[in-house]
């Protein structure tokens, strides 16, 4: 149960990070560092699993460049990141987060 909540929160954080980036694109290393800076202890395997899950749902696309994966937000992912739409498996936005992310 707890892992399910952590997964939903991690996915929300990834979508938010991508939505806040000017070109909606970050590499997995930067995403991992940003998650860690926000207090989330995510292993490389866990991050790869979460990115793969988000790609399977068509919320992001993944491209491999050398040893790095590049995650790019899709239109559907942006709707979820901004709270315009909800998705099972992704934590809903809190009211305090809505104004911040919609202002992007």
PDB file of N, CA and C in Angstrom:
ATOM      1  N   UNK A   1       0.825  -1.201   0.000  1.00  0.00           N
ATOM      2  CA  UNK A   1       0.000   0.000   0.000  1.00  0.00           C
ATOM      3  C   UNK A   1       0.866   1.261   0.000  1.00  0.00           C
ATOM      4  N   UNK A   2       1.862   1.292   0.892  1.00  0.00           N
ATOM      5  CA  UNK A   2       2.720   2.470   0.984  1.00  0.00           C
ATOM      6  C   UNK A   2       3.500   2.678  -0.310  1.00  0.00           C
ATOM      7  N   UNK A   3       3.985   1.580  -0.920  1.00  0.00           N
ATOM      8  CA  UNK A   3       4.744   1.694  -2.167  1.00  0.00           C
ATOM      9  C   UNK A   3       3.872   2.271  -3.277  1.00  0.00           C
ATOM     10  N   UNK A   4       2.600   1.913  -3.284  1.00  0.00           N
ATOM     11  CA  UNK A   4       1.658   2.445  -4.275  1.00  0.00           C
ATOM     12  C   UNK A   4       1.558   3.973  -4.147  1.00  0.00           C
ATOM     13  N   UNK A   5       1.479   4.461  -2.934  1.00  0.00           N
ATOM     14  CA  UNK A   5       1.400   5.906  -2.686  1.00  0.00           C
ATOM     15  C   UNK A   5       2.698   6.588  -3.116  1.00  0.00           C
ATOM     16  N   UNK A   6       3.825   5.970  -2.801  1.00  0.00           N
ATOM     17  CA  UNK A   6       5.127   6.533  -3.193  1.00  0.00           C
ATOM     18  C   UNK A   6       5.250   6.581  -4.712  1.00  0.00           C
ATOM     19  N   UNK A   7       4.816   5.511  -5.392  1.00  0.00           N
ATOM     20  CA  UNK A   7       4.861   5.491  -6.857  1.00  0.00           C
ATOM     21  C   UNK A   7       4.019   6.617  -7.452  1.00  0.00           C
ATOM     22  N   UNK A   8       2.805   6.802  -6.947  1.00  0.00           N
ATOM     23  CA  UNK A   8       1.928   7.867  -7.447  1.00  0.00           C
ATOM     24  C   UNK A   8       2.563   9.236  -7.249  1.00  0.00           C
ATOM     25  N   UNK A   9       3.172   9.441  -6.105  1.00  0.00           N
ATOM     26  CA  UNK A   9       3.798  10.726  -5.802  1.00  0.00           C
ATOM     27  C   UNK A   9       5.030  10.962  -6.681  1.00  0.00           C
ATOM     28  N   UNK A  10       5.818   9.919  -6.892  1.00  0.00           N
ATOM     29  CA  UNK A  10       7.002  10.040  -7.749  1.00  0.00           C
ATOM     30  C   UNK A  10       6.590  10.373  -9.179  1.00  0.00           C
ATOM     31  N   UNK A  11       5.562   9.724  -9.679  1.00  0.00           N
ATOM     32  CA  UNK A  11       5.078  10.006 -11.041  1.00  0.00           C
ATOM     33  C   UNK A  11       4.575  11.442 -11.153  1.00  0.00           C
ATOM     34  N   UNK A  12       3.864  11.917 -10.138  1.00  0.00           N
ATOM     35  CA  UNK A  12       3.396  13.310 -10.121  1.00  0.00           C
ATOM     36  C   UNK A  12       4.592  14.249 -10.174  1.00  0.00           C
ATOM     37  N   UNK A  13       5.594  13.964  -9.383  1.00  0.00           N
ATOM     38  CA  UNK A  13       6.785  14.820  -9.338  1.00  0.00           C
ATOM     39  C   UNK A  13       7.494  14.863 -10.686  1.00  0.00           C
ATOM     40  N   UNK A  14       7.615  13.726 -11.345  1.00  0.00           N
ATOM     41  CA  UNK A  14       8.271  13.682 -12.655  1.00  0.00           C
ATOM     42  C   UNK A  14       7.493  14.515 -13.665  1.00  0.00           C
ATOM     43  N   UNK A  15       6.181  14.350 -13.713  1.00  0.00           N
ATOM     44  CA  UNK A  15       5.363  15.128 -14.653  1.00  0.00           C
ATOM     45  C   UNK A  15       5.475  16.622 -14.365  1.00  0.00           C
ATOM     46  N   UNK A  16       5.483  16.990 -13.094  1.00  0.00           N
ATOM     47  CA  UNK A  16       5.603  18.404 -12.718  1.00  0.00           C
ATOM     48  C   UNK A  16       6.951  18.964 -13.140  1.00  0.00           C
ATOM     49  N   UNK A  17       8.021  18.219 -12.901  1.00  0.00           N
ATOM     50  CA  UNK A  17       9.354  18.672 -13.316  1.00  0.00           C
ATOM     51  C   UNK A  17       9.403  18.921 -14.819  1.00  0.00           C
ATOM     52  N   UNK A  18       8.846  18.008 -15.588  1.00  0.00           N
ATOM     53  CA  UNK A  18       8.845  18.166 -17.044  1.00  0.00           C
ATOM     54  C   UNK A  18       7.985  19.349 -17.473  1.00  0.00           C
ATOM     55  N   UNK A  19       6.849  19.551 -16.806  1.00  0.00           N
ATOM     56  CA  UNK A  19       5.962  20.669 -17.150  1.00  0.00           C
ATOM     57  C   UNK A  19       6.617  22.010 -16.862  1.00  0.00           C
ATOM     58  N   UNK A  20       7.474  22.056 -15.872  1.00  0.00           N
ATOM     59  CA  UNK A  20       8.132  23.309 -15.507  1.00  0.00           C
ATOM     60  C   UNK A  20       9.352  23.618 -16.373  1.00  0.00           C
ATOM     61  N   UNK A  21       9.835  22.634 -17.127  1.00  0.00           N
ATOM     62  CA  UNK A  21      10.984  22.859 -17.998  1.00  0.00           C
ATOM     63  C   UNK A  21      10.530  23.568 -19.276  1.00  0.00           C
ATOM     64  N   UNK A  22      11.358  24.475 -19.781  1.00  0.00           N
ATOM     65  CA  UNK A  22      10.961  25.309 -20.923  1.00  0.00           C
ATOM     66  C   UNK A  22      10.648  24.514 -22.186  1.00  0.00           C
ATOM     67  N   UNK A  23      11.298  23.376 -22.380  1.00  0.00           N
ATOM     68  CA  UNK A  23      10.983  22.569 -23.564  1.00  0.00           C
ATOM     69  C   UNK A  23      10.346  21.225 -23.193  1.00  0.00           C
ATOM     70  N   UNK A  24       9.848  21.134 -21.963  1.00  0.00           N
ATOM     71  CA  UNK A  24       9.148  19.937 -21.477  1.00  0.00           C
ATOM     72  C   UNK A  24      10.004  18.681 -21.605  1.00  0.00           C
ATOM     73  N   UNK A  25      11.309  18.814 -21.432  1.00  0.00           N
ATOM     74  CA  UNK A  25      12.217  17.699 -21.675  1.00  0.00           C
ATOM     75  C   UNK A  25      13.373  17.733 -20.678  1.00  0.00           C
ATOM     76  N   UNK A  26      13.662  16.572 -20.069  1.00  0.00           N
ATOM     77  CA  UNK A  26      14.797  16.441 -19.152  1.00  0.00           C
ATOM     78  C   UNK A  26      15.393  15.048 -19.304  1.00  0.00           C
ATOM     79  N   UNK A  27      16.685  14.931 -19.010  1.00  0.00           N
ATOM     80  CA  UNK A  27      17.266  13.587 -19.031  1.00  0.00           C
ATOM     81  C   UNK A  27      17.072  12.936 -17.663  1.00  0.00           C
ATOM     82  N   UNK A  28      17.198  11.613 -17.646  1.00  0.00           N
ATOM     83  CA  UNK A  28      16.902  10.870 -16.415  1.00  0.00           C
ATOM     84  C   UNK A  28      17.820  11.275 -15.268  1.00  0.00           C
ATOM     85  N   UNK A  29      19.052  11.657 -15.572  1.00  0.00           N
ATOM     86  CA  UNK A  29      19.976  12.062 -14.513  1.00  0.00           C
ATOM     87  C   UNK A  29      19.491  13.342 -13.837  1.00  0.00           C
ATOM     88  N   UNK A  30      19.058  14.320 -14.622  1.00  0.00           N
ATOM     89  CA  UNK A  30      18.540  15.566 -14.043  1.00  0.00           C
ATOM     90  C   UNK A  30      17.255  15.323 -13.261  1.00  0.00           C
ATOM     91  N   UNK A  31      16.399  14.461 -13.787  1.00  0.00           N
ATOM     92  CA  UNK A  31      15.163  14.132 -13.069  1.00  0.00           C
ATOM     93  C   UNK A  31      15.512  13.503 -11.722  1.00  0.00           C
ATOM     94  N   UNK A  32      16.443  12.567 -11.721  1.00  0.00           N
ATOM     95  CA  UNK A  32      16.859  11.919 -10.476  1.00  0.00           C
ATOM     96  C   UNK A  32      17.420  12.904  -9.471  1.00  0.00           C
ATOM     97  N   UNK A  33      18.258  13.832  -9.942  1.00  0.00           N
ATOM     98  CA  UNK A  33      18.837  14.837  -9.041  1.00  0.00           C
ATOM     99  C   UNK A  33      17.754  15.767  -8.497  1.00  0.00           C
ATOM    100  N   UNK A  34      16.793  16.143  -9.337  1.00  0.00           N
ATOM    101  CA  UNK A  34      15.708  17.021  -8.885  1.00  0.00           C
ATOM    102  C   UNK A  34      14.820  16.307  -7.872  1.00  0.00           C
ATOM    103  N   UNK A  35      14.533  15.037  -8.105  1.00  0.00           N
ATOM    104  CA  UNK A  35      13.741  14.277  -7.139  1.00  0.00           C
ATOM    105  C   UNK A  35      14.470  14.199  -5.803  1.00  0.00           C
ATOM    106  N   UNK A  36      15.766  13.926  -5.852  1.00  0.00           N
ATOM    107  CA  UNK A  36      16.559  13.849  -4.623  1.00  0.00           C
ATOM    108  C   UNK A  36      16.573  15.189  -3.894  1.00  0.00           C
ATOM    109  N   UNK A  37      16.701  16.279  -4.643  1.00  0.00           N
ATOM    110  CA  UNK A  37      16.704  17.618  -4.038  1.00  0.00           C
ATOM    111  C   UNK A  37      15.372  17.932  -3.367  1.00  0.00           C
ATOM    112  N   UNK A  38      14.305  17.259  -3.817  1.00  0.00           N
ATOM    113  CA  UNK A  38      12.983  17.449  -3.231  1.00  0.00           C
ATOM    114  C   UNK A  38      12.648  16.379  -2.197  1.00  0.00           C
ATOM    115  N   UNK A  39      13.681  15.678  -1.707  1.00  0.00           N
ATOM    116  CA  UNK A  39      13.486  14.745  -0.606  1.00  0.00           C
ATOM    117  C   UNK A  39      13.018  13.362  -0.993  1.00  0.00           C
ATOM    118  N   UNK A  40      13.092  13.017  -2.265  1.00  0.00           N
ATOM    119  CA  UNK A  40      12.657  11.691  -2.700  1.00  0.00           C
ATOM    120  C   UNK A  40      13.885  10.819  -2.938  1.00  0.00           C
ATOM    121  N   UNK A  41      13.967   9.721  -2.226  1.00  0.00           N
ATOM    122  CA  UNK A  41      15.082   8.788  -2.349  1.00  0.00           C
ATOM    123  C   UNK A  41      14.719   7.751  -3.405  1.00  0.00           C
ATOM    124  N   UNK A  42      15.121   7.996  -4.654  1.00  0.00           N
ATOM    125  CA  UNK A  42      14.740   7.145  -5.776  1.00  0.00           C
ATOM    126  C   UNK A  42      16.000   6.531  -6.388  1.00  0.00           C
ATOM    127  N   UNK A  43      16.037   5.205  -6.445  1.00  0.00           N
ATOM    128  CA  UNK A  43      17.169   4.533  -7.077  1.00  0.00           C
ATOM    129  C   UNK A  43      17.063   4.670  -8.595  1.00  0.00           C
ATOM    130  N   UNK A  44      18.162   4.385  -9.276  1.00  0.00           N
ATOM    131  CA  UNK A  44      18.165   4.432 -10.739  1.00  0.00           C
ATOM    132  C   UNK A  44      17.154   3.448 -11.310  1.00  0.00           C
ATOM    133  N   UNK A  45      17.083   2.246 -10.749  1.00  0.00           N
ATOM    134  CA  UNK A  45      16.116   1.252 -11.220  1.00  0.00           C
ATOM    135  C   UNK A  45      14.684   1.732 -11.025  1.00  0.00           C
ATOM    136  N   UNK A  46      14.406   2.301  -9.863  1.00  0.00           N
ATOM    137  CA  UNK A  46      13.059   2.815  -9.598  1.00  0.00           C
ATOM    138  C   UNK A  46      12.716   3.938 -10.557  1.00  0.00           C
ATOM    139  N   UNK A  47      13.645   4.856 -10.777  1.00  0.00           N
ATOM    140  CA  UNK A  47      13.400   5.956 -11.708  1.00  0.00           C
ATOM    141  C   UNK A  47      13.137   5.418 -13.108  1.00  0.00           C
ATOM    142  N   UNK A  48      13.946   4.467 -13.559  1.00  0.00           N
ATOM    143  CA  UNK A  48      13.725   3.875 -14.882  1.00  0.00           C
ATOM    144  C   UNK A  48      12.361   3.211 -14.977  1.00  0.00           C
ATOM    145  N   UNK A  49      11.949   2.516 -13.907  1.00  0.00           N
ATOM    146  CA  UNK A  49      10.627   1.880 -13.889  1.00  0.00           C
ATOM    147  C   UNK A  49       9.513   2.914 -13.970  1.00  0.00           C
ATOM    148  N   UNK A  50       9.648   4.014 -13.235  1.00  0.00           N
ATOM    149  CA  UNK A  50       8.619   5.056 -13.251  1.00  0.00           C
ATOM    150  C   UNK A  50       8.559   5.741 -14.620  1.00  0.00           C
ATOM    151  N   UNK A  51       9.720   6.010 -15.208  1.00  0.00           N
ATOM    152  CA  UNK A  51       9.742   6.610 -16.549  1.00  0.00           C
ATOM    153  C   UNK A  51       9.105   5.670 -17.568  1.00  0.00           C
ATOM    154  N   UNK A  52       9.404   4.385 -17.469  1.00  0.00           N
ATOM    155  CA  UNK A  52       8.805   3.406 -18.386  1.00  0.00           C
ATOM    156  C   UNK A  52       7.293   3.355 -18.216  1.00  0.00           C
ATOM    157  N   UNK A  53       6.828   3.383 -16.968  1.00  0.00           N
ATOM    158  CA  UNK A  53       5.383   3.364 -16.708  1.00  0.00           C
ATOM    159  C   UNK A  53       4.721   4.591 -17.332  1.00  0.00           C
ATOM    160  N   UNK A  54       5.306   5.761 -17.121  1.00  0.00           N
ATOM    161  CA  UNK A  54       4.746   6.995 -17.687  1.00  0.00           C
ATOM    162  C   UNK A  54       4.731   6.939 -19.214  1.00  0.00           C
ATOM    163  N   UNK A  55       5.755   6.345 -19.814  1.00  0.00           N
ATOM    164  CA  UNK A  55       5.800   6.207 -21.273  1.00  0.00           C
ATOM    165  C   UNK A  55       4.732   5.227 -21.760  1.00  0.00           C
ATOM    166  N   UNK A  56       4.522   4.134 -21.028  1.00  0.00           N
ATOM    167  CA  UNK A  56       3.484   3.161 -21.395  1.00  0.00           C
ATOM    168  C   UNK A  56       2.098   3.794 -21.381  1.00  0.00           C
ATOM    169  N   UNK A  57       1.893   4.770 -20.508  1.00  0.00           N
ATOM    170  CA  UNK A  57       0.601   5.460 -20.410  1.00  0.00           C
ATOM    171  C   UNK A  57       0.494   6.604 -21.420  1.00  0.00           C
ATOM    172  N   UNK A  58       1.551   6.835 -22.197  1.00  0.00           N
ATOM    173  CA  UNK A  58       1.628   7.938 -23.166  1.00  0.00           C
ATOM    174  C   UNK A  58       1.598   9.311 -22.505  1.00  0.00           C
ATOM    175  N   UNK A  59       2.126   9.404 -21.286  1.00  0.00           N
ATOM    176  CA  UNK A  59       2.254  10.697 -20.608  1.00  0.00           C
ATOM    177  C   UNK A  59       3.590  11.348 -20.941  1.00  0.00           C
ATOM    178  N   UNK A  60       4.564  10.517 -21.321  1.00  0.00           N
ATOM    179  CA  UNK A  60       5.870  11.004 -21.766  1.00  0.00           C
ATOM    180  C   UNK A  60       6.331  10.131 -22.930  1.00  0.00           C
ATOM    181  N   UNK A  61       7.329  10.623 -23.651  1.00  0.00           N
ATOM    182  CA  UNK A  61       8.061   9.775 -24.585  1.00  0.00           C
ATOM    183  C   UNK A  61       9.476   9.639 -24.038  1.00  0.00           C
ATOM    184  N   UNK A  62      10.108   8.534 -24.359  1.00  0.00           N
ATOM    185  CA  UNK A  62      11.485   8.289 -23.928  1.00  0.00           C
ATOM    186  C   UNK A  62      12.363   8.067 -25.146  1.00  0.00           C
ATOM    187  N   UNK A  63      13.495   8.728 -25.149  1.00  0.00           N
ATOM    188  CA  UNK A  63      14.484   8.561 -26.206  1.00  0.00           C
ATOM    189  C   UNK A  63      15.814   8.261 -25.527  1.00  0.00           C
ATOM    190  N   UNK A  64      16.547   7.312 -26.058  1.00  0.00           N
ATOM    191  CA  UNK A  64      17.848   6.975 -25.494  1.00  0.00           C
ATOM    192  C   UNK A  64      18.944   7.621 -26.324  1.00  0.00           C
ATOM    193  N   UNK A  65      19.778   8.399 -25.659  1.00  0.00           N
ATOM    194  CA  UNK A  65      20.944   9.020 -26.277  1.00  0.00           C
ATOM    195  C   UNK A  65      22.170   8.544 -25.516  1.00  0.00           C
ATOM    196  N   UNK A  66      22.922   7.662 -26.125  1.00  0.00           N
ATOM    197  CA  UNK A  66      24.065   7.083 -25.424  1.00  0.00           C
ATOM    198  C   UNK A  66      23.588   6.286 -24.230  1.00  0.00           C
ATOM    199  N   UNK A  67      24.011   6.699 -23.055  1.00  0.00           N
ATOM    200  CA  UNK A  67      23.614   5.994 -21.833  1.00  0.00           C
ATOM    201  C   UNK A  67      22.468   6.685 -21.103  1.00  0.00           C
ATOM    202  N   UNK A  68      22.006   7.811 -21.638  1.00  0.00           N
ATOM    203  CA  UNK A  68      20.938   8.574 -20.975  1.00  0.00           C
ATOM    204  C   UNK A  68      19.595   8.387 -21.657  1.00  0.00           C
ATOM    205  N   UNK A  69      18.560   8.399 -20.847  1.00  0.00           N
ATOM    206  CA  UNK A  69      17.198   8.445 -21.367  1.00  0.00           C
ATOM    207  C   UNK A  69      16.725   9.886 -21.278  1.00  0.00           C
ATOM    208  N   UNK A  70      16.102  10.365 -22.341  1.00  0.00           N
ATOM    209  CA  UNK A  70      15.535  11.706 -22.380  1.00  0.00           C
ATOM    210  C   UNK A  70      14.020  11.559 -22.315  1.00  0.00           C
ATOM    211  N   UNK A  71      13.403  12.169 -21.317  1.00  0.00           N
ATOM    212  CA  UNK A  71      11.949  12.138 -21.153  1.00  0.00           C
ATOM    213  C   UNK A  71      11.367  13.444 -21.674  1.00  0.00           C
ATOM    214  N   UNK A  72      10.329  13.322 -22.503  1.00  0.00           N
ATOM    215  CA  UNK A  72       9.633  14.486 -23.047  1.00  0.00           C
ATOM    216  C   UNK A  72       8.152  14.350 -22.726  1.00  0.00           C
ATOM    217  N   UNK A  73       7.581  15.391 -22.189  1.00  0.00           N
ATOM    218  CA  UNK A  73       6.169  15.401 -21.823  1.00  0.00           C
ATOM    219  C   UNK A  73       5.303  15.393 -23.079  1.00  0.00           C
ATOM    220  N   UNK A  74       4.251  14.588 -23.091  1.00  0.00           N
ATOM    221  CA  UNK A  74       3.281  14.593 -24.187  1.00  0.00           C
ATOM    222  C   UNK A  74       2.158  15.574 -23.848  1.00  0.00           C
ATOM    223  N   UNK A  75       1.297  15.833 -24.810  1.00  0.00           N
ATOM    224  CA  UNK A  75       0.144  16.705 -24.551  1.00  0.00           C
ATOM    225  C   UNK A  75      -0.712  16.143 -23.415  1.00  0.00           C
ATOM    226  N   UNK A  76      -0.935  14.841 -23.430  1.00  0.00           N
ATOM    227  CA  UNK A  76      -1.728  14.190 -22.372  1.00  0.00           C
ATOM    228  C   UNK A  76      -1.026  14.330 -21.018  1.00  0.00           C
ATOM    229  N   UNK A  77       0.285  14.144 -21.011  1.00  0.00           N
ATOM    230  CA  UNK A  77       1.050  14.297 -19.777  1.00  0.00           C
ATOM    231  C   UNK A  77       0.980  15.708 -19.234  1.00  0.00           C
ATOM    232  N   UNK A  78       0.987  16.691 -20.140  1.00  0.00           N
ATOM    233  CA  UNK A  78       0.890  18.088 -19.714  1.00  0.00           C
ATOM    234  C   UNK A  78      -0.472  18.373 -19.086  1.00  0.00           C
ATOM    235  N   UNK A  79      -1.532  17.802 -19.656  1.00  0.00           N
ATOM    236  CA  UNK A  79      -2.869  17.974 -19.069  1.00  0.00           C
ATOM    237  C   UNK A  79      -2.910  17.427 -17.647  1.00  0.00           C
ATOM    238  N   UNK A  80      -2.288  16.289 -17.440  1.00  0.00           N
ATOM    239  CA  UNK A  80      -2.267  15.696 -16.103  1.00  0.00           C
ATOM    240  C   UNK A  80      -1.379  16.521 -15.180  1.00  0.00           C
ATOM    241  N   UNK A  81      -0.232  16.955 -15.680  1.00  0.00           N
ATOM    242  CA  UNK A  81       0.682  17.770 -14.867  1.00  0.00           C
ATOM    243  C   UNK A  81       0.019  19.055 -14.405  1.00  0.00           C
ATOM    244  N   UNK A  82      -0.802  19.653 -15.266  1.00  0.00           N
ATOM    245  CA  UNK A  82      -1.457  20.917 -14.932  1.00  0.00           C
ATOM    246  C   UNK A  82      -2.779  20.736 -14.187  1.00  0.00           C
ATOM    247  N   UNK A  83      -3.186  19.494 -13.959  1.00  0.00           N
ATOM    248  CA  UNK A  83      -4.416  19.245 -13.224  1.00  0.00           C
ATOM    249  C   UNK A  83      -5.673  19.365 -14.059  1.00  0.00           C
ATOM    250  N   UNK A  84      -5.538  19.458 -15.383  1.00  0.00           N
ATOM    251  CA  UNK A  84      -6.711  19.527 -16.259  1.00  0.00           C
ATOM    252  C   UNK A  84      -7.381  18.169 -16.386  1.00  0.00           C
ATOM    253  N   UNK A  85      -6.611  17.126 -16.135  1.00  0.00           N
ATOM    254  CA  UNK A  85      -7.085  15.759 -16.252  1.00  0.00           C
ATOM    255  C   UNK A  85      -6.472  14.947 -15.118  1.00  0.00           C
ATOM    256  N   UNK A  86      -7.108  13.861 -14.788  1.00  0.00           N
ATOM    257  CA  UNK A  86      -6.600  12.962 -13.753  1.00  0.00           C
ATOM    258  C   UNK A  86      -6.265  11.623 -14.377  1.00  0.00           C
ATOM    259  N   UNK A  87      -5.373  10.907 -13.721  1.00  0.00           N
ATOM    260  CA  UNK A  87      -4.990   9.585 -14.216  1.00  0.00           C
ATOM    261  C   UNK A  87      -4.761   8.647 -13.046  1.00  0.00           C
ATOM    262  N   UNK A  88      -5.310   7.449 -13.155  1.00  0.00           N
ATOM    263  CA  UNK A  88      -5.036   6.428 -12.150  1.00  0.00           C
ATOM    264  C   UNK A  88      -3.539   6.158 -12.154  1.00  0.00           C
ATOM    265  N   UNK A  89      -2.958   6.081 -10.981  1.00  0.00           N
ATOM    266  CA  UNK A  89      -1.533   5.810 -10.867  1.00  0.00           C
ATOM    267  C   UNK A  89      -0.678   7.046 -10.712  1.00  0.00           C
ATOM    268  N   UNK A  90      -1.307   8.231 -10.812  1.00  0.00           N
ATOM    269  CA  UNK A  90      -0.597   9.504 -10.626  1.00  0.00           C
ATOM    270  C   UNK A  90      -1.343  10.290  -9.557  1.00  0.00           C
ATOM    271  N   UNK A  91      -0.603  10.741  -8.538  1.00  0.00           N
ATOM    272  CA  UNK A  91      -1.234  11.498  -7.459  1.00  0.00           C
ATOM    273  C   UNK A  91      -1.881  12.759  -8.013  1.00  0.00           C
ATOM    274  N   UNK A  92      -3.085  13.065  -7.540  1.00  0.00           N
ATOM    275  CA  UNK A  92      -3.760  14.308  -7.924  1.00  0.00           C
ATOM    276  C   UNK A  92      -3.000  15.500  -7.372  1.00  0.00           C
ATOM    277  N   UNK A  93      -3.138  16.629  -8.056  1.00  0.00           N
ATOM    278  CA  UNK A  93      -2.538  17.867  -7.560  1.00  0.00           C
ATOM    279  C   UNK A  93      -3.221  18.306  -6.280  1.00  0.00           C
ATOM    280  N   UNK A  94      -2.440  18.852  -5.374  1.00  0.00           N
ATOM    281  CA  UNK A  94      -3.008  19.491  -4.186  1.00  0.00           C
ATOM    282  C   UNK A  94      -3.433  20.895  -4.584  1.00  0.00           C
ATOM    283  N   UNK A  95      -4.416  21.477  -3.894  1.00  0.00           N
ATOM    284  CA  UNK A  95      -4.836  22.841  -4.228  1.00  0.00           C
ATOM    285  C   UNK A  95      -3.679  23.835  -4.248  1.00  0.00           C
ATOM    286  N   UNK A  96      -2.735  23.683  -3.339  1.00  0.00           N
ATOM    287  CA  UNK A  96      -1.603  24.617  -3.288  1.00  0.00           C
ATOM    288  C   UNK A  96      -0.667  24.462  -4.485  1.00  0.00           C
ATOM    289  N   UNK A  97      -0.709  23.330  -5.150  1.00  0.00           N
ATOM    290  CA  UNK A  97       0.152  23.093  -6.311  1.00  0.00           C
ATOM    291  C   UNK A  97      -0.467  23.592  -7.612  1.00  0.00           C
ATOM    292  N   UNK A  98      -1.771  23.702  -7.648  1.00  0.00           N
ATOM    293  CA  UNK A  98      -2.469  24.015  -8.894  1.00  0.00           C
ATOM    294  C   UNK A  98      -2.062  25.364  -9.458  1.00  0.00           C
ATOM    295  N   UNK A  99      -2.076  26.399  -8.666  1.00  0.00           N
ATOM    296  CA  UNK A  99      -1.737  27.735  -9.168  1.00  0.00           C
ATOM    297  C   UNK A  99      -0.304  27.783  -9.666  1.00  0.00           C
ATOM    298  N   UNK A 100       0.596  27.108  -8.975  1.00  0.00           N
ATOM    299  CA  UNK A 100       2.014  27.116  -9.351  1.00  0.00           C
ATOM    300  C   UNK A 100       2.227  26.463 -10.714  1.00  0.00           C
ATOM    301  N   UNK A 101       1.653  25.293 -10.914  1.00  0.00           N
ATOM    302  CA  UNK A 101       1.889  24.548 -12.149  1.00  0.00           C
ATOM    303  C   UNK A 101       1.077  25.120 -13.307  1.00  0.00           C
ATOM    304  N   UNK A 102      -0.123  25.626 -13.053  1.00  0.00           N
ATOM    305  CA  UNK A 102      -0.930  26.191 -14.135  1.00  0.00           C
ATOM    306  C   UNK A 102      -0.357  27.506 -14.632  1.00  0.00           C
ATOM    307  N   UNK A 103       0.424  28.164 -13.798  1.00  0.00           N
ATOM    308  CA  UNK A 103       1.016  29.432 -14.200  1.00  0.00           C
ATOM    309  C   UNK A 103       2.131  29.276 -15.213  1.00  0.00           C
ATOM    310  N   UNK A 104       2.585  28.076 -15.452  1.00  0.00           N
ATOM    311  CA  UNK A 104       3.692  27.823 -16.398  1.00  0.00           C
ATOM    312  C   UNK A 104       3.301  28.199 -17.799  1.00  0.00           C
TER     313      UNK A 104
END
